[in-house]
Amino acid sequence: MQREWIVFLISGTVFGVLVGWIIGSQSARSAAPPLAAPPSAAAPASESAPPPLDSQRATELERVADAEPRNAEVRVELGNLYYNAERFDQAIPWYEAALQVDPSNVNASTDLGVSYYYTQQDDRALAQFEHSLSVDPNHVKTLFNQGVVRAFAKQDLQGATESWRRVIAIAPESAEGRRAQQILEGVDAGHSGAGAGAPGAQ
């Protein structure tokens, strides 16, 4: 599929569905920050400011992390703290440190991948999602986010569609499954609405 056709799709109905729905993995996190599109996509700015960082809590957790170098849980908690404050560059080293201790933590791995994406490290994001899927091939949040990064960062709508179809097959009634269905319906509508004469259509 040509780049122009993908841009057409993700800039319309599909983009409207995707914005705000890159989904964090940690159950303690009630809402993920808005989707940060890479420089090639024109994403609207977030209307709400991220929650402030709890600096006192961060200091306390870092003290524990220094004293307990094999404590993966405290490192994940620090990663989550910075992630929730949308300080993704600061979340990354804590998720990486947690995974050095516990490589099987699929939630931390996926949130690390999301953090890479938000800091414009698209290839690392996709590689991290592959690690998550090697731990849990049916991790729906990983699959959903993989689709988002494939679509926006790589203009790979075919690959993104494969990810979202897997989400629907695994968990059709989940939040991720319903959103994946909305996206794919938008893709189908874009195809039928644009017709054979659309720029780049094959």
N, C-alpha and C. Protein backbone atom coordinates (compact mmCIF):
# COMPACT_ATOMS: atom_id res chain seq x y z
N MET A 1 0.84 -1.19 0.00
CA MET A 1 0.00 0.00 0.00
C MET A 1 0.88 1.24 0.00
N GLN A 2 0.53 2.22 -0.81
CA GLN A 2 1.33 3.41 -0.93
C GLN A 2 1.20 4.28 0.32
N ARG A 3 2.28 5.03 0.61
CA ARG A 3 2.31 5.90 1.78
C ARG A 3 1.17 6.92 1.75
N GLU A 4 0.87 7.48 0.55
CA GLU A 4 -0.16 8.51 0.47
C GLU A 4 -1.52 7.97 0.90
N TRP A 5 -1.80 6.72 0.53
CA TRP A 5 -3.08 6.12 0.88
C TRP A 5 -3.17 5.87 2.37
N ILE A 6 -2.05 5.45 2.98
CA ILE A 6 -2.04 5.23 4.42
C ILE A 6 -2.26 6.55 5.15
N VAL A 7 -1.58 7.60 4.71
CA VAL A 7 -1.75 8.91 5.34
C VAL A 7 -3.20 9.35 5.23
N PHE A 8 -3.82 9.12 4.06
CA PHE A 8 -5.23 9.46 3.88
C PHE A 8 -6.09 8.75 4.92
N LEU A 9 -5.82 7.48 5.14
CA LEU A 9 -6.65 6.71 6.07
C LEU A 9 -6.45 7.17 7.50
N ILE A 10 -5.19 7.29 7.93
CA ILE A 10 -4.97 7.59 9.34
C ILE A 10 -5.22 9.03 9.67
N SER A 11 -5.36 9.89 8.64
CA SER A 11 -5.64 11.29 8.92
C SER A 11 -7.13 11.56 9.03
N GLY A 12 -7.96 10.57 8.71
CA GLY A 12 -9.40 10.74 8.77
C GLY A 12 -10.02 9.98 9.91
N THR A 13 -10.97 9.10 9.56
CA THR A 13 -11.73 8.38 10.57
C THR A 13 -10.83 7.58 11.49
N VAL A 14 -9.84 6.90 10.91
CA VAL A 14 -8.98 6.04 11.73
C VAL A 14 -8.19 6.85 12.73
N PHE A 15 -7.65 8.00 12.28
CA PHE A 15 -6.89 8.83 13.21
C PHE A 15 -7.75 9.28 14.38
N GLY A 16 -9.02 9.64 14.08
CA GLY A 16 -9.90 10.08 15.15
C GLY A 16 -10.13 9.01 16.19
N VAL A 17 -10.17 7.76 15.77
CA VAL A 17 -10.36 6.66 16.72
C VAL A 17 -9.09 6.40 17.51
N LEU A 18 -7.94 6.52 16.85
CA LEU A 18 -6.69 6.16 17.50
C LEU A 18 -6.24 7.16 18.55
N VAL A 19 -6.49 8.44 18.32
CA VAL A 19 -5.98 9.46 19.23
C VAL A 19 -6.49 9.19 20.65
N GLY A 20 -5.57 9.11 21.57
CA GLY A 20 -5.94 8.89 22.96
C GLY A 20 -6.05 7.44 23.36
N TRP A 21 -5.81 6.48 22.42
CA TRP A 21 -6.07 5.10 22.76
C TRP A 21 -4.85 4.21 22.69
N ILE A 22 -3.66 4.75 22.76
CA ILE A 22 -2.53 3.87 23.02
C ILE A 22 -2.61 3.52 24.49
N ILE A 23 -2.63 2.27 24.80
CA ILE A 23 -3.11 1.81 26.09
C ILE A 23 -1.97 1.28 26.95
N GLY A 24 -1.85 1.81 28.14
CA GLY A 24 -0.86 1.31 29.09
C GLY A 24 -1.27 -0.03 29.65
N SER A 25 -0.30 -0.77 30.17
CA SER A 25 -0.57 -2.14 30.59
C SER A 25 -0.87 -2.28 32.08
N GLN A 26 -0.36 -1.38 32.89
CA GLN A 26 -0.47 -1.60 34.32
C GLN A 26 -1.90 -1.42 34.79
N SER A 27 -2.38 -2.38 35.56
CA SER A 27 -3.77 -2.33 36.01
C SER A 27 -4.01 -1.15 36.93
N ALA A 28 -2.97 -0.66 37.59
CA ALA A 28 -3.14 0.47 38.50
C ALA A 28 -3.34 1.78 37.75
N ARG A 29 -3.05 1.78 36.48
CA ARG A 29 -3.15 3.01 35.71
C ARG A 29 -4.54 3.07 35.09
N SER A 30 -5.31 4.08 35.46
CA SER A 30 -6.70 4.15 35.01
C SER A 30 -6.83 4.71 33.60
N ALA A 31 -5.87 5.53 33.16
CA ALA A 31 -5.96 6.10 31.81
C ALA A 31 -4.57 6.37 31.29
N ALA A 32 -4.36 6.05 30.04
CA ALA A 32 -3.08 6.33 29.41
C ALA A 32 -3.11 7.73 28.83
N PRO A 33 -1.94 8.35 28.67
CA PRO A 33 -1.91 9.68 28.07
C PRO A 33 -2.31 9.62 26.61
N PRO A 34 -2.64 10.78 26.01
CA PRO A 34 -3.06 10.78 24.60
C PRO A 34 -1.97 10.27 23.69
N LEU A 35 -2.39 9.73 22.57
CA LEU A 35 -1.45 9.20 21.60
C LEU A 35 -0.54 10.29 21.09
N ALA A 36 0.75 10.05 21.14
CA ALA A 36 1.73 11.00 20.62
C ALA A 36 2.14 10.53 19.25
N ALA A 37 1.67 11.19 18.22
CA ALA A 37 2.02 10.80 16.86
C ALA A 37 3.44 11.24 16.56
N PRO A 38 4.16 10.48 15.74
CA PRO A 38 5.50 10.88 15.35
C PRO A 38 5.47 12.14 14.50
N PRO A 39 6.63 12.75 14.25
CA PRO A 39 6.66 14.02 13.55
C PRO A 39 5.96 14.00 12.20
N SER A 40 5.89 12.85 11.53
CA SER A 40 5.30 12.78 10.21
C SER A 40 3.78 12.88 10.24
N ALA A 41 3.18 12.73 11.42
CA ALA A 41 1.72 12.82 11.53
C ALA A 41 1.37 14.04 12.35
N ALA A 42 0.34 14.75 11.93
CA ALA A 42 -0.06 15.98 12.62
C ALA A 42 -1.09 15.64 13.67
N ALA A 43 -0.65 15.44 14.91
CA ALA A 43 -1.57 15.10 15.99
C ALA A 43 -1.95 16.36 16.75
N PRO A 44 -3.22 16.49 17.12
CA PRO A 44 -3.60 17.65 17.93
C PRO A 44 -2.99 17.56 19.32
N ALA A 45 -2.74 18.69 19.91
CA ALA A 45 -2.15 18.72 21.25
C ALA A 45 -3.15 18.21 22.27
N SER A 46 -2.62 17.64 23.34
CA SER A 46 -3.49 17.15 24.41
C SER A 46 -4.21 18.32 25.06
N GLU A 47 -5.49 18.14 25.36
CA GLU A 47 -6.26 19.21 25.96
C GLU A 47 -6.07 19.28 27.46
N SER A 48 -5.58 18.24 28.06
CA SER A 48 -5.41 18.24 29.51
C SER A 48 -3.94 17.99 29.84
N ALA A 49 -3.48 18.66 30.87
CA ALA A 49 -2.10 18.51 31.29
C ALA A 49 -1.93 17.17 31.99
N PRO A 50 -0.73 16.57 31.90
CA PRO A 50 -0.50 15.31 32.61
C PRO A 50 -0.54 15.53 34.11
N PRO A 51 -0.83 14.49 34.88
CA PRO A 51 -0.81 14.65 36.33
C PRO A 51 0.60 15.01 36.79
N PRO A 52 0.70 15.81 37.83
CA PRO A 52 2.03 16.20 38.30
C PRO A 52 2.79 15.01 38.87
N LEU A 53 4.09 15.05 38.74
CA LEU A 53 4.92 14.01 39.32
C LEU A 53 4.94 14.15 40.84
N ASP A 54 4.74 13.03 41.53
CA ASP A 54 4.87 13.00 42.98
C ASP A 54 6.35 12.84 43.31
N SER A 55 7.04 13.97 43.43
CA SER A 55 8.49 13.96 43.62
C SER A 55 8.89 13.28 44.92
N GLN A 56 8.10 13.48 45.95
CA GLN A 56 8.42 12.85 47.24
C GLN A 56 8.36 11.33 47.12
N ARG A 57 7.33 10.84 46.45
CA ARG A 57 7.20 9.39 46.26
C ARG A 57 8.35 8.86 45.40
N ALA A 58 8.72 9.61 44.38
CA ALA A 58 9.82 9.20 43.52
C ALA A 58 11.11 9.09 44.31
N THR A 59 11.36 10.06 45.18
CA THR A 59 12.58 10.04 46.00
C THR A 59 12.58 8.83 46.93
N GLU A 60 11.42 8.55 47.53
CA GLU A 60 11.32 7.39 48.43
C GLU A 60 11.59 6.10 47.68
N LEU A 61 10.99 5.96 46.50
CA LEU A 61 11.17 4.73 45.73
C LEU A 61 12.60 4.59 45.24
N GLU A 62 13.22 5.68 44.84
CA GLU A 62 14.61 5.61 44.38
C GLU A 62 15.53 5.20 45.51
N ARG A 63 15.21 5.62 46.72
CA ARG A 63 16.00 5.21 47.88
C ARG A 63 15.90 3.70 48.08
N VAL A 64 14.70 3.18 47.93
CA VAL A 64 14.51 1.73 48.06
C VAL A 64 15.23 1.00 46.93
N ALA A 65 15.13 1.53 45.72
CA ALA A 65 15.78 0.90 44.57
C ALA A 65 17.29 0.85 44.75
N ASP A 66 17.88 1.91 45.29
CA ASP A 66 19.32 1.92 45.54
C ASP A 66 19.71 0.87 46.56
N ALA A 67 18.85 0.67 47.56
CA ALA A 67 19.17 -0.29 48.62
C ALA A 67 18.87 -1.73 48.21
N GLU A 68 18.00 -1.91 47.21
CA GLU A 68 17.57 -3.26 46.82
C GLU A 68 17.75 -3.43 45.31
N PRO A 69 18.97 -3.72 44.87
CA PRO A 69 19.25 -3.78 43.43
C PRO A 69 18.52 -4.89 42.69
N ARG A 70 17.97 -5.88 43.39
CA ARG A 70 17.25 -6.97 42.73
C ARG A 70 15.74 -6.84 42.89
N ASN A 71 15.30 -5.69 43.30
CA ASN A 71 13.87 -5.46 43.50
C ASN A 71 13.27 -4.92 42.21
N ALA A 72 12.65 -5.81 41.43
CA ALA A 72 12.05 -5.39 40.16
C ALA A 72 10.79 -4.58 40.39
N GLU A 73 10.03 -4.93 41.41
CA GLU A 73 8.74 -4.29 41.63
C GLU A 73 8.88 -2.79 41.86
N VAL A 74 9.88 -2.40 42.66
CA VAL A 74 10.04 -0.96 42.94
C VAL A 74 10.46 -0.22 41.69
N ARG A 75 11.21 -0.88 40.82
CA ARG A 75 11.62 -0.26 39.57
C ARG A 75 10.44 -0.09 38.62
N VAL A 76 9.55 -1.07 38.60
CA VAL A 76 8.33 -0.93 37.80
C VAL A 76 7.48 0.21 38.33
N GLU A 77 7.38 0.30 39.66
CA GLU A 77 6.58 1.37 40.25
C GLU A 77 7.15 2.74 39.90
N LEU A 78 8.46 2.86 39.89
CA LEU A 78 9.08 4.11 39.48
C LEU A 78 8.81 4.41 38.01
N GLY A 79 8.92 3.38 37.18
CA GLY A 79 8.59 3.57 35.78
C GLY A 79 7.16 4.05 35.61
N ASN A 80 6.23 3.44 36.34
CA ASN A 80 4.82 3.84 36.25
C ASN A 80 4.62 5.28 36.72
N LEU A 81 5.35 5.67 37.76
CA LEU A 81 5.22 7.01 38.32
C LEU A 81 5.59 8.06 37.26
N TYR A 82 6.72 7.83 36.59
CA TYR A 82 7.16 8.78 35.56
C TYR A 82 6.27 8.68 34.31
N TYR A 83 5.85 7.47 33.98
CA TYR A 83 4.96 7.28 32.82
C TYR A 83 3.66 8.06 33.01
N ASN A 84 3.07 7.92 34.18
CA ASN A 84 1.80 8.60 34.45
C ASN A 84 1.93 10.11 34.38
N ALA A 85 3.12 10.61 34.69
CA ALA A 85 3.38 12.05 34.59
C ALA A 85 3.84 12.45 33.19
N GLU A 86 3.80 11.49 32.28
CA GLU A 86 4.21 11.68 30.88
C GLU A 86 5.67 12.10 30.76
N ARG A 87 6.48 11.64 31.69
CA ARG A 87 7.93 11.85 31.61
C ARG A 87 8.55 10.54 31.11
N PHE A 88 8.29 10.26 29.85
CA PHE A 88 8.62 8.95 29.30
C PHE A 88 10.13 8.70 29.27
N ASP A 89 10.91 9.76 29.05
CA ASP A 89 12.36 9.59 29.02
C ASP A 89 12.89 9.17 30.38
N GLN A 90 12.20 9.57 31.44
CA GLN A 90 12.61 9.16 32.79
C GLN A 90 12.02 7.81 33.17
N ALA A 91 10.91 7.44 32.57
CA ALA A 91 10.33 6.12 32.84
C ALA A 91 11.18 5.02 32.23
N ILE A 92 11.76 5.29 31.08
CA ILE A 92 12.48 4.25 30.33
C ILE A 92 13.55 3.55 31.15
N PRO A 93 14.50 4.27 31.79
CA PRO A 93 15.55 3.54 32.50
C PRO A 93 15.04 2.67 33.64
N TRP A 94 13.91 3.06 34.24
CA TRP A 94 13.38 2.24 35.34
C TRP A 94 12.71 0.97 34.82
N TYR A 95 11.99 1.08 33.71
CA TYR A 95 11.44 -0.13 33.10
C TYR A 95 12.56 -1.05 32.61
N GLU A 96 13.58 -0.46 32.01
CA GLU A 96 14.71 -1.27 31.54
C GLU A 96 15.38 -1.99 32.71
N ALA A 97 15.56 -1.27 33.82
CA ALA A 97 16.19 -1.89 35.00
C ALA A 97 15.32 -2.99 35.57
N ALA A 98 14.01 -2.78 35.58
CA ALA A 98 13.09 -3.81 36.08
C ALA A 98 13.19 -5.07 35.23
N LEU A 99 13.27 -4.89 33.92
CA LEU A 99 13.32 -6.04 33.02
C LEU A 99 14.66 -6.76 33.07
N GLN A 100 15.70 -6.08 33.47
CA GLN A 100 16.97 -6.77 33.69
C GLN A 100 16.86 -7.76 34.84
N VAL A 101 16.04 -7.41 35.84
CA VAL A 101 15.82 -8.29 36.98
C VAL A 101 14.76 -9.35 36.66
N ASP A 102 13.70 -8.93 35.98
CA ASP A 102 12.58 -9.83 35.68
C ASP A 102 12.17 -9.66 34.21
N PRO A 103 12.85 -10.34 33.29
CA PRO A 103 12.54 -10.18 31.86
C PRO A 103 11.15 -10.65 31.46
N SER A 104 10.48 -11.40 32.32
CA SER A 104 9.18 -11.96 31.98
C SER A 104 8.02 -11.04 32.34
N ASN A 105 8.29 -9.85 32.86
CA ASN A 105 7.22 -8.93 33.23
C ASN A 105 6.66 -8.28 31.97
N VAL A 106 5.60 -8.87 31.43
CA VAL A 106 5.08 -8.44 30.14
C VAL A 106 4.48 -7.04 30.21
N ASN A 107 3.88 -6.69 31.34
CA ASN A 107 3.30 -5.35 31.47
C ASN A 107 4.39 -4.28 31.44
N ALA A 108 5.46 -4.50 32.19
CA ALA A 108 6.56 -3.53 32.18
C ALA A 108 7.19 -3.45 30.79
N SER A 109 7.30 -4.59 30.13
CA SER A 109 7.88 -4.61 28.79
C SER A 109 7.04 -3.80 27.82
N THR A 110 5.73 -3.97 27.88
CA THR A 110 4.86 -3.24 26.97
C THR A 110 4.87 -1.75 27.28
N ASP A 111 4.85 -1.39 28.55
CA ASP A 111 4.91 0.03 28.89
C ASP A 111 6.25 0.64 28.49
N LEU A 112 7.31 -0.15 28.52
CA LEU A 112 8.60 0.32 28.01
C LEU A 112 8.49 0.59 26.52
N GLY A 113 7.85 -0.32 25.79
CA GLY A 113 7.67 -0.11 24.36
C GLY A 113 6.88 1.15 24.06
N VAL A 114 5.81 1.39 24.82
CA VAL A 114 5.03 2.61 24.65
C VAL A 114 5.89 3.83 24.93
N SER A 115 6.72 3.75 25.97
CA SER A 115 7.59 4.87 26.32
C SER A 115 8.60 5.14 25.20
N TYR A 116 9.12 4.08 24.60
CA TYR A 116 10.02 4.27 23.45
C TYR A 116 9.29 5.02 22.33
N TYR A 117 8.05 4.63 22.08
CA TYR A 117 7.30 5.27 21.01
C TYR A 117 7.10 6.76 21.28
N TYR A 118 6.75 7.08 22.52
CA TYR A 118 6.53 8.48 22.87
C TYR A 118 7.82 9.31 22.77
N THR A 119 8.97 8.66 22.83
CA THR A 119 10.24 9.37 22.71
C THR A 119 10.86 9.17 21.33
N GLN A 120 10.01 8.84 20.35
CA GLN A 120 10.40 8.76 18.94
C GLN A 120 11.41 7.65 18.65
N GLN A 121 11.38 6.58 19.43
CA GLN A 121 12.25 5.42 19.21
C GLN A 121 11.37 4.27 18.69
N ASP A 122 10.92 4.44 17.46
CA ASP A 122 9.89 3.55 16.93
C ASP A 122 10.36 2.10 16.78
N ASP A 123 11.58 1.92 16.26
CA ASP A 123 12.09 0.56 16.07
C ASP A 123 12.26 -0.15 17.41
N ARG A 124 12.73 0.59 18.40
CA ARG A 124 12.87 -0.02 19.73
C ARG A 124 11.51 -0.36 20.33
N ALA A 125 10.52 0.48 20.06
CA ALA A 125 9.17 0.19 20.54
C ALA A 125 8.66 -1.13 19.96
N LEU A 126 8.80 -1.29 18.66
CA LEU A 126 8.32 -2.51 18.02
C LEU A 126 9.10 -3.73 18.49
N ALA A 127 10.41 -3.57 18.67
CA ALA A 127 11.21 -4.69 19.17
C ALA A 127 10.78 -5.06 20.59
N GLN A 128 10.45 -4.07 21.40
CA GLN A 128 10.02 -4.36 22.77
C GLN A 128 8.68 -5.06 22.77
N PHE A 129 7.79 -4.64 21.88
CA PHE A 129 6.51 -5.35 21.78
C PHE A 129 6.71 -6.80 21.37
N GLU A 130 7.67 -7.05 20.49
CA GLU A 130 7.97 -8.44 20.11
C GLU A 130 8.44 -9.23 21.32
N HIS A 131 9.24 -8.60 22.19
CA HIS A 131 9.65 -9.30 23.42
C HIS A 131 8.43 -9.61 24.28
N SER A 132 7.54 -8.62 24.43
CA SER A 132 6.33 -8.87 25.22
C SER A 132 5.55 -10.05 24.67
N LEU A 133 5.42 -10.11 23.34
CA LEU A 133 4.65 -11.19 22.72
C LEU A 133 5.37 -12.53 22.80
N SER A 134 6.69 -12.51 22.97
CA SER A 134 7.40 -13.77 23.19
C SER A 134 7.11 -14.32 24.57
N VAL A 135 6.76 -13.43 25.51
CA VAL A 135 6.37 -13.84 26.85
C VAL A 135 4.90 -14.26 26.88
N ASP A 136 4.05 -13.45 26.24
CA ASP A 136 2.62 -13.72 26.20
C ASP A 136 2.10 -13.37 24.80
N PRO A 137 1.99 -14.38 23.92
CA PRO A 137 1.57 -14.11 22.54
C PRO A 137 0.18 -13.51 22.41
N ASN A 138 -0.63 -13.62 23.45
CA ASN A 138 -2.01 -13.14 23.40
C ASN A 138 -2.23 -11.89 24.24
N HIS A 139 -1.18 -11.15 24.52
CA HIS A 139 -1.30 -9.94 25.34
C HIS A 139 -1.95 -8.84 24.50
N VAL A 140 -3.23 -8.57 24.75
CA VAL A 140 -3.99 -7.73 23.84
C VAL A 140 -3.52 -6.28 23.82
N LYS A 141 -3.07 -5.76 24.96
CA LYS A 141 -2.59 -4.38 24.97
C LYS A 141 -1.33 -4.24 24.13
N THR A 142 -0.48 -5.24 24.19
CA THR A 142 0.71 -5.22 23.34
C THR A 142 0.32 -5.23 21.87
N LEU A 143 -0.58 -6.12 21.51
CA LEU A 143 -1.00 -6.24 20.12
C LEU A 143 -1.66 -4.95 19.63
N PHE A 144 -2.51 -4.37 20.46
CA PHE A 144 -3.17 -3.13 20.06
C PHE A 144 -2.15 -2.03 19.82
N ASN A 145 -1.23 -1.86 20.77
CA ASN A 145 -0.22 -0.81 20.64
C ASN A 145 0.73 -1.09 19.49
N GLN A 146 1.03 -2.34 19.25
CA GLN A 146 1.85 -2.70 18.09
C GLN A 146 1.18 -2.19 16.81
N GLY A 147 -0.13 -2.35 16.73
CA GLY A 147 -0.86 -1.85 15.57
C GLY A 147 -0.75 -0.35 15.43
N VAL A 148 -0.86 0.36 16.55
CA VAL A 148 -0.76 1.82 16.51
C VAL A 148 0.61 2.25 15.99
N VAL A 149 1.66 1.65 16.52
CA VAL A 149 3.01 2.05 16.11
C VAL A 149 3.27 1.66 14.65
N ARG A 150 2.80 0.49 14.26
CA ARG A 150 2.96 0.11 12.85
C ARG A 150 2.26 1.12 11.93
N ALA A 151 1.06 1.55 12.30
CA ALA A 151 0.31 2.46 11.45
C ALA A 151 0.94 3.84 11.41
N PHE A 152 1.24 4.41 12.57
CA PHE A 152 1.70 5.79 12.62
C PHE A 152 3.19 5.92 12.34
N ALA A 153 3.99 5.07 12.94
CA ALA A 153 5.44 5.24 12.81
C ALA A 153 5.98 4.66 11.52
N LYS A 154 5.38 3.58 11.06
CA LYS A 154 5.91 2.87 9.89
C LYS A 154 5.02 2.95 8.67
N GLN A 155 3.86 3.60 8.79
CA GLN A 155 2.91 3.67 7.68
C GLN A 155 2.63 2.27 7.11
N ASP A 156 2.60 1.29 8.01
CA ASP A 156 2.38 -0.11 7.64
C ASP A 156 0.96 -0.50 8.04
N LEU A 157 -0.01 -0.10 7.23
CA LEU A 157 -1.39 -0.37 7.59
C LEU A 157 -1.71 -1.86 7.51
N GLN A 158 -1.06 -2.58 6.61
CA GLN A 158 -1.28 -4.02 6.52
C GLN A 158 -0.84 -4.71 7.82
N GLY A 159 0.37 -4.36 8.29
CA GLY A 159 0.86 -4.94 9.53
C GLY A 159 0.00 -4.53 10.72
N ALA A 160 -0.43 -3.26 10.73
CA ALA A 160 -1.28 -2.80 11.81
C ALA A 160 -2.60 -3.56 11.82
N THR A 161 -3.15 -3.76 10.63
CA THR A 161 -4.41 -4.51 10.53
C THR A 161 -4.26 -5.92 11.07
N GLU A 162 -3.14 -6.56 10.79
CA GLU A 162 -2.90 -7.91 11.32
C GLU A 162 -2.90 -7.89 12.84
N SER A 163 -2.24 -6.88 13.44
CA SER A 163 -2.21 -6.79 14.90
C SER A 163 -3.61 -6.61 15.46
N TRP A 164 -4.39 -5.70 14.87
CA TRP A 164 -5.72 -5.43 15.39
C TRP A 164 -6.67 -6.60 15.18
N ARG A 165 -6.51 -7.34 14.08
CA ARG A 165 -7.36 -8.51 13.89
C ARG A 165 -7.07 -9.58 14.94
N ARG A 166 -5.83 -9.69 15.34
CA ARG A 166 -5.49 -10.64 16.42
C ARG A 166 -6.14 -10.21 17.72
N VAL A 167 -6.15 -8.91 18.00
CA VAL A 167 -6.81 -8.41 19.21
C VAL A 167 -8.27 -8.82 19.20
N ILE A 168 -8.94 -8.61 18.07
CA ILE A 168 -10.36 -8.94 17.97
C ILE A 168 -10.59 -10.44 18.12
N ALA A 169 -9.70 -11.24 17.54
CA ALA A 169 -9.84 -12.70 17.64
C ALA A 169 -9.66 -13.18 19.08
N ILE A 170 -8.75 -12.54 19.81
CA ILE A 170 -8.44 -12.98 21.17
C ILE A 170 -9.46 -12.47 22.17
N ALA A 171 -9.80 -11.19 22.08
CA ALA A 171 -10.66 -10.57 23.11
C ALA A 171 -11.61 -9.57 22.46
N PRO A 172 -12.61 -10.06 21.72
CA PRO A 172 -13.48 -9.14 20.97
C PRO A 172 -14.29 -8.20 21.84
N GLU A 173 -14.58 -8.58 23.08
CA GLU A 173 -15.41 -7.75 23.95
C GLU A 173 -14.58 -6.86 24.87
N SER A 174 -13.27 -6.94 24.79
CA SER A 174 -12.42 -6.08 25.61
C SER A 174 -12.43 -4.67 25.05
N ALA A 175 -11.95 -3.71 25.85
CA ALA A 175 -11.83 -2.33 25.36
C ALA A 175 -10.95 -2.29 24.13
N GLU A 176 -9.86 -3.06 24.15
CA GLU A 176 -8.95 -3.07 23.01
C GLU A 176 -9.63 -3.69 21.78
N GLY A 177 -10.37 -4.76 22.00
CA GLY A 177 -11.06 -5.41 20.90
C GLY A 177 -12.09 -4.51 20.26
N ARG A 178 -12.85 -3.78 21.07
CA ARG A 178 -13.86 -2.88 20.52
C ARG A 178 -13.21 -1.74 19.75
N ARG A 179 -12.11 -1.21 20.28
CA ARG A 179 -11.44 -0.11 19.58
C ARG A 179 -10.78 -0.58 18.30
N ALA A 180 -10.22 -1.78 18.35
CA ALA A 180 -9.63 -2.33 17.13
C ALA A 180 -10.70 -2.51 16.06
N GLN A 181 -11.89 -2.95 16.48
CA GLN A 181 -12.99 -3.11 15.52
C GLN A 181 -13.38 -1.76 14.92
N GLN A 182 -13.44 -0.71 15.76
CA GLN A 182 -13.75 0.62 15.25
C GLN A 182 -12.73 1.07 14.21
N ILE A 183 -11.47 0.83 14.50
CA ILE A 183 -10.42 1.25 13.58
C ILE A 183 -10.57 0.53 12.25
N LEU A 184 -10.75 -0.77 12.30
CA LEU A 184 -10.85 -1.55 11.06
C LEU A 184 -12.09 -1.16 10.27
N GLU A 185 -13.17 -0.84 10.95
CA GLU A 185 -14.35 -0.34 10.24
C GLU A 185 -14.04 0.99 9.56
N GLY A 186 -13.23 1.83 10.23
CA GLY A 186 -12.82 3.09 9.62
C GLY A 186 -11.95 2.87 8.40
N VAL A 187 -11.07 1.87 8.48
CA VAL A 187 -10.22 1.54 7.33
C VAL A 187 -11.09 1.10 6.16
N ASP A 188 -12.06 0.22 6.43
CA ASP A 188 -12.95 -0.25 5.37
C ASP A 188 -13.75 0.90 4.76
N ALA A 189 -14.21 1.81 5.62
CA ALA A 189 -14.97 2.96 5.13
C ALA A 189 -14.08 3.86 4.27
N GLY A 190 -12.82 4.00 4.67
CA GLY A 190 -11.89 4.80 3.88
C GLY A 190 -11.66 4.21 2.52
N HIS A 191 -11.53 2.89 2.46
CA HIS A 191 -11.35 2.22 1.18
C HIS A 191 -12.56 2.44 0.27
N SER A 192 -13.74 2.18 0.80
CA SER A 192 -14.94 2.25 -0.04
C SER A 192 -15.29 3.69 -0.40
N GLY A 193 -15.00 4.63 0.51
CA GLY A 193 -15.35 6.02 0.26
C GLY A 193 -14.42 6.70 -0.73
N ALA A 194 -13.14 6.28 -0.74
CA ALA A 194 -12.18 6.95 -1.60
C ALA A 194 -12.29 6.49 -3.03
N GLY A 195 -12.64 5.22 -3.23
CA GLY A 195 -12.77 4.69 -4.59
C GLY A 195 -11.43 4.41 -5.24
N ALA A 196 -11.51 3.85 -6.44
CA ALA A 196 -10.31 3.41 -7.13
C ALA A 196 -9.40 4.55 -7.53
N GLY A 197 -9.94 5.77 -7.60
CA GLY A 197 -9.13 6.89 -8.05
C GLY A 197 -8.36 7.59 -6.96
N ALA A 198 -8.41 7.08 -5.70
CA ALA A 198 -7.71 7.74 -4.61
C ALA A 198 -6.21 7.71 -4.86
N PRO A 199 -5.50 8.76 -4.38
CA PRO A 199 -4.05 8.80 -4.61
C PRO A 199 -3.38 7.56 -4.01
N GLY A 200 -2.59 6.90 -4.79
CA GLY A 200 -1.82 5.78 -4.29
C GLY A 200 -2.60 4.49 -4.17
N ALA A 201 -3.88 4.48 -4.51
CA ALA A 201 -4.65 3.24 -4.35
C ALA A 201 -4.14 2.19 -5.30
N GLN A 202 -4.11 0.93 -4.80
CA GLN A 202 -3.61 -0.19 -5.61
C GLN A 202 -4.78 -1.00 -6.16
